[in-house]
Amino acid sequence: QAQLVESGGGSVQAGRSLTLSCRASGYTVSSLCMGWFRQAPGKARERVAIVYGGAAYTSYGDSAKGRFAISKDVAKNTLYLQMNSLKPEDTAMYYCAAARSPGTFNCFSGTGDGLWGQGTQVTVSS
């Protein structure tokens, strides 16, 4: 059974860094799109960063540009999100998502038949 498990969340002060990991099992981190999304209480889910076309292309949400970096390690079957210069407004539950097969999941919008992890909480205090 395909599964994504996130880790690395926590509580940090503003300005610090965190690295989130998303380990896949029963699913191969490959050329299909994968990404990170987040949702804060009372707010809509938003795209943080995605990688697609193998690792050839990445796309970041406006809030992540210049501060976050997405990467994947095929050998470890793991997706990462390096988050620097964290701000209180980055506080949210962060989810890893992946396309199950070509054309079934829109990584830009996070809609369709995607594989989702259970989430990891990030809390940034001022």
C-alpha atoms as a PDB file:
ATOM      1  CA  GLN A   1       0.000   0.000   0.000  1.00  0.00           C
ATOM      2  CA  ALA A   2       1.406   3.343  -1.047  1.00  0.00           C
ATOM      3  CA  GLN A   3       2.086   5.700   1.812  1.00  0.00           C
ATOM      4  CA  LEU A   4       3.763   9.043   2.478  1.00  0.00           C
ATOM      5  CA  VAL A   5       5.005   9.862   5.971  1.00  0.00           C
ATOM      6  CA  GLU A   6       6.108  13.367   6.872  1.00  0.00           C
ATOM      7  CA  SER A   7       8.488  14.267   9.681  1.00  0.00           C
ATOM      8  CA  GLY A   8      10.630  17.157  10.826  1.00  0.00           C
ATOM      9  CA  GLY A   9       7.992  19.590  11.996  1.00  0.00           C
ATOM     10  CA  GLY A  10       8.193  21.348  15.317  1.00  0.00           C
ATOM     11  CA  SER A  11       8.122  24.620  17.175  1.00  0.00           C
ATOM     12  CA  VAL A  12      10.781  27.201  16.376  1.00  0.00           C
ATOM     13  CA  GLN A  13      11.373  30.900  16.759  1.00  0.00           C
ATOM     14  CA  ALA A  14      11.090  33.268  13.853  1.00  0.00           C
ATOM     15  CA  GLY A  15      14.200  33.416  11.726  1.00  0.00           C
ATOM     16  CA  ARG A  16      15.200  29.804  12.344  1.00  0.00           C
ATOM     17  CA  SER A  17      15.180  26.903   9.927  1.00  0.00           C
ATOM     18  CA  LEU A  18      13.510  23.514   9.654  1.00  0.00           C
ATOM     19  CA  THR A  19      13.795  20.662   7.199  1.00  0.00           C
ATOM     20  CA  LEU A  20      10.741  18.551   6.519  1.00  0.00           C
ATOM     21  CA  SER A  21      11.036  15.041   5.156  1.00  0.00           C
ATOM     22  CA  CYS A  22       8.480  12.927   3.331  1.00  0.00           C
ATOM     23  CA  ARG A  23       9.410   9.271   3.140  1.00  0.00           C
ATOM     24  CA  ALA A  24       7.545   7.182   0.595  1.00  0.00           C
ATOM     25  CA  SER A  25       6.751   3.504   0.925  1.00  0.00           C
ATOM     26  CA  GLY A  26       5.000   1.414  -1.679  1.00  0.00           C
ATOM     27  CA  TYR A  27       5.577   4.353  -3.995  1.00  0.00           C
ATOM     28  CA  THR A  28       8.642   5.285  -5.986  1.00  0.00           C
ATOM     29  CA  VAL A  29       9.854   8.858  -5.921  1.00  0.00           C
ATOM     30  CA  SER A  30      10.432   9.358  -9.613  1.00  0.00           C
ATOM     31  CA  SER A  31       9.394  11.619 -12.441  1.00  0.00           C
ATOM     32  CA  LEU A  32       5.812  12.126 -11.297  1.00  0.00           C
ATOM     33  CA  CYS A  33       5.095  15.371  -9.528  1.00  0.00           C
ATOM     34  CA  MET A  34       5.398  15.639  -5.782  1.00  0.00           C
ATOM     35  CA  GLY A  35       5.055  18.586  -3.514  1.00  0.00           C
ATOM     36  CA  TRP A  36       4.421  20.254  -0.206  1.00  0.00           C
ATOM     37  CA  PHE A  37       1.205  21.971   0.745  1.00  0.00           C
ATOM     38  CA  ARG A  38       0.172  23.626   3.957  1.00  0.00           C
ATOM     39  CA  GLN A  39      -3.002  24.597   5.719  1.00  0.00           C
ATOM     40  CA  ALA A  40      -3.380  26.942   8.652  1.00  0.00           C
ATOM     41  CA  PRO A  41      -6.506  26.962  10.837  1.00  0.00           C
ATOM     42  CA  GLY A  42      -9.322  28.785   9.127  1.00  0.00           C
ATOM     43  CA  LYS A  43      -7.411  29.129   5.880  1.00  0.00           C
ATOM     44  CA  ALA A  44      -7.461  27.317   2.586  1.00  0.00           C
ATOM     45  CA  ARG A  45      -4.785  24.812   1.728  1.00  0.00           C
ATOM     46  CA  GLU A  46      -1.999  26.372  -0.322  1.00  0.00           C
ATOM     47  CA  ARG A  47       0.814  25.071  -2.453  1.00  0.00           C
ATOM     48  CA  VAL A  48       4.215  25.619  -0.897  1.00  0.00           C
ATOM     49  CA  ALA A  49       6.518  23.950  -3.396  1.00  0.00           C
ATOM     50  CA  ILE A  50       6.375  21.227  -6.032  1.00  0.00           C
ATOM     51  CA  VAL A  51       8.867  19.338  -8.121  1.00  0.00           C
ATOM     52  CA  TYR A  52       8.005  17.728 -11.437  1.00  0.00           C
ATOM     53  CA  GLY A  53       9.518  16.458 -14.629  1.00  0.00           C
ATOM     54  CA  GLY A  54      11.920  14.380 -12.592  1.00  0.00           C
ATOM     55  CA  ALA A  55      13.775  17.057 -10.692  1.00  0.00           C
ATOM     56  CA  ALA A  56      13.947  19.302 -13.728  1.00  0.00           C
ATOM     57  CA  TYR A  57      11.282  21.747 -12.663  1.00  0.00           C
ATOM     58  CA  THR A  58      10.199  23.307  -9.410  1.00  0.00           C
ATOM     59  CA  SER A  59       7.496  25.775  -8.551  1.00  0.00           C
ATOM     60  CA  TYR A  60       7.066  27.723  -5.340  1.00  0.00           C
ATOM     61  CA  GLY A  61       4.168  29.530  -3.820  1.00  0.00           C
ATOM     62  CA  ASP A  62       4.674  33.239  -3.323  1.00  0.00           C
ATOM     63  CA  SER A  63       5.174  32.830   0.405  1.00  0.00           C
ATOM     64  CA  ALA A  64       7.970  30.310  -0.094  1.00  0.00           C
ATOM     65  CA  LYS A  65       9.963  31.978  -2.833  1.00  0.00           C
ATOM     66  CA  GLY A  66      13.481  32.836  -1.777  1.00  0.00           C
ATOM     67  CA  ARG A  67      13.178  31.107   1.597  1.00  0.00           C
ATOM     68  CA  PHE A  68      12.215  27.474   0.968  1.00  0.00           C
ATOM     69  CA  ALA A  69      13.806  24.824  -1.201  1.00  0.00           C
ATOM     70  CA  ILE A  70      12.287  21.530  -2.336  1.00  0.00           C
ATOM     71  CA  SER A  71      14.419  18.540  -3.223  1.00  0.00           C
ATOM     72  CA  LYS A  72      14.210  14.788  -3.446  1.00  0.00           C
ATOM     73  CA  ASP A  73      16.558  11.895  -2.914  1.00  0.00           C
ATOM     74  CA  VAL A  74      15.574   9.040  -5.190  1.00  0.00           C
ATOM     75  CA  ALA A  75      17.951   6.628  -3.454  1.00  0.00           C
ATOM     76  CA  LYS A  76      16.248   7.321  -0.113  1.00  0.00           C
ATOM     77  CA  ASN A  77      12.809   7.590  -1.714  1.00  0.00           C
ATOM     78  CA  THR A  78      12.313  10.815   0.178  1.00  0.00           C
ATOM     79  CA  LEU A  79      11.129  14.336  -0.583  1.00  0.00           C
ATOM     80  CA  TYR A  80      12.459  17.271   1.436  1.00  0.00           C
ATOM     81  CA  LEU A  81      11.517  20.858   2.158  1.00  0.00           C
ATOM     82  CA  GLN A  82      14.226  23.105   3.541  1.00  0.00           C
ATOM     83  CA  MET A  83      12.636  26.095   5.202  1.00  0.00           C
ATOM     84  CA  ASN A  84      14.766  29.095   6.122  1.00  0.00           C
ATOM     85  CA  SER A  85      13.987  32.455   7.708  1.00  0.00           C
ATOM     86  CA  LEU A  86      10.743  31.124   9.119  1.00  0.00           C
ATOM     87  CA  LYS A  87       7.998  33.585   9.975  1.00  0.00           C
ATOM     88  CA  PRO A  88       4.993  33.280  12.298  1.00  0.00           C
ATOM     89  CA  GLU A  89       2.766  33.247   9.219  1.00  0.00           C
ATOM     90  CA  ASP A  90       4.443  29.986   8.173  1.00  0.00           C
ATOM     91  CA  THR A  91       2.654  28.274  11.053  1.00  0.00           C
ATOM     92  CA  ALA A  92       0.520  25.504   9.569  1.00  0.00           C
ATOM     93  CA  MET A  93       0.140  21.795   9.060  1.00  0.00           C
ATOM     94  CA  TYR A  94       2.415  20.774   6.218  1.00  0.00           C
ATOM     95  CA  TYR A  95       1.428  17.927   3.920  1.00  0.00           C
ATOM     96  CA  CYS A  96       3.368  15.963   1.362  1.00  0.00           C
ATOM     97  CA  ALA A  97       1.519  14.905  -1.769  1.00  0.00           C
ATOM     98  CA  ALA A  98       2.316  12.943  -4.897  1.00  0.00           C
ATOM     99  CA  ALA A  99       0.703  11.951  -8.130  1.00  0.00           C
ATOM    100  CA  ARG A 100      -0.319   8.292  -8.188  1.00  0.00           C
ATOM    101  CA  SER A 101      -0.066   8.101 -11.945  1.00  0.00           C
ATOM    102  CA  PRO A 102       0.428  10.484 -14.862  1.00  0.00           C
ATOM    103  CA  GLY A 103      -2.384  12.926 -15.426  1.00  0.00           C
ATOM    104  CA  THR A 104      -4.403  12.085 -12.309  1.00  0.00           C
ATOM    105  CA  PHE A 105      -3.177  14.750  -9.940  1.00  0.00           C
ATOM    106  CA  ASN A 106      -2.652  18.460 -10.439  1.00  0.00           C
ATOM    107  CA  CYS A 107       0.364  19.335  -8.340  1.00  0.00           C
ATOM    108  CA  PHE A 108      -0.145  23.053  -8.846  1.00  0.00           C
ATOM    109  CA  SER A 109      -3.611  23.043  -7.306  1.00  0.00           C
ATOM    110  CA  GLY A 110      -3.354  19.910  -5.200  1.00  0.00           C
ATOM    111  CA  THR A 111      -6.498  18.483  -6.745  1.00  0.00           C
ATOM    112  CA  GLY A 112      -7.240  15.111  -8.222  1.00  0.00           C
ATOM    113  CA  ASP A 113      -6.293  11.606  -7.229  1.00  0.00           C
ATOM    114  CA  GLY A 114      -3.162  12.298  -5.213  1.00  0.00           C
ATOM    115  CA  LEU A 115      -1.401  10.404  -2.485  1.00  0.00           C
ATOM    116  CA  TRP A 116      -1.253  12.448   0.723  1.00  0.00           C
ATOM    117  CA  GLY A 117       0.626  12.115   3.961  1.00  0.00           C
ATOM    118  CA  GLN A 118      -0.850  12.699   7.390  1.00  0.00           C
ATOM    119  CA  GLY A 119       0.911  16.022   7.861  1.00  0.00           C
ATOM    120  CA  THR A 120       3.484  17.491  10.201  1.00  0.00           C
ATOM    121  CA  GLN A 121       2.866  20.598  12.290  1.00  0.00           C
ATOM    122  CA  VAL A 122       5.129  23.620  12.023  1.00  0.00           C
ATOM    123  CA  THR A 123       4.726  26.373  14.588  1.00  0.00           C
ATOM    124  CA  VAL A 124       6.770  29.561  14.395  1.00  0.00           C
ATOM    125  CA  SER A 125       6.753  31.989  17.287  1.00  0.00           C
ATOM    126  CA  SER A 126       7.752  35.633  17.155  1.00  0.00           C
END
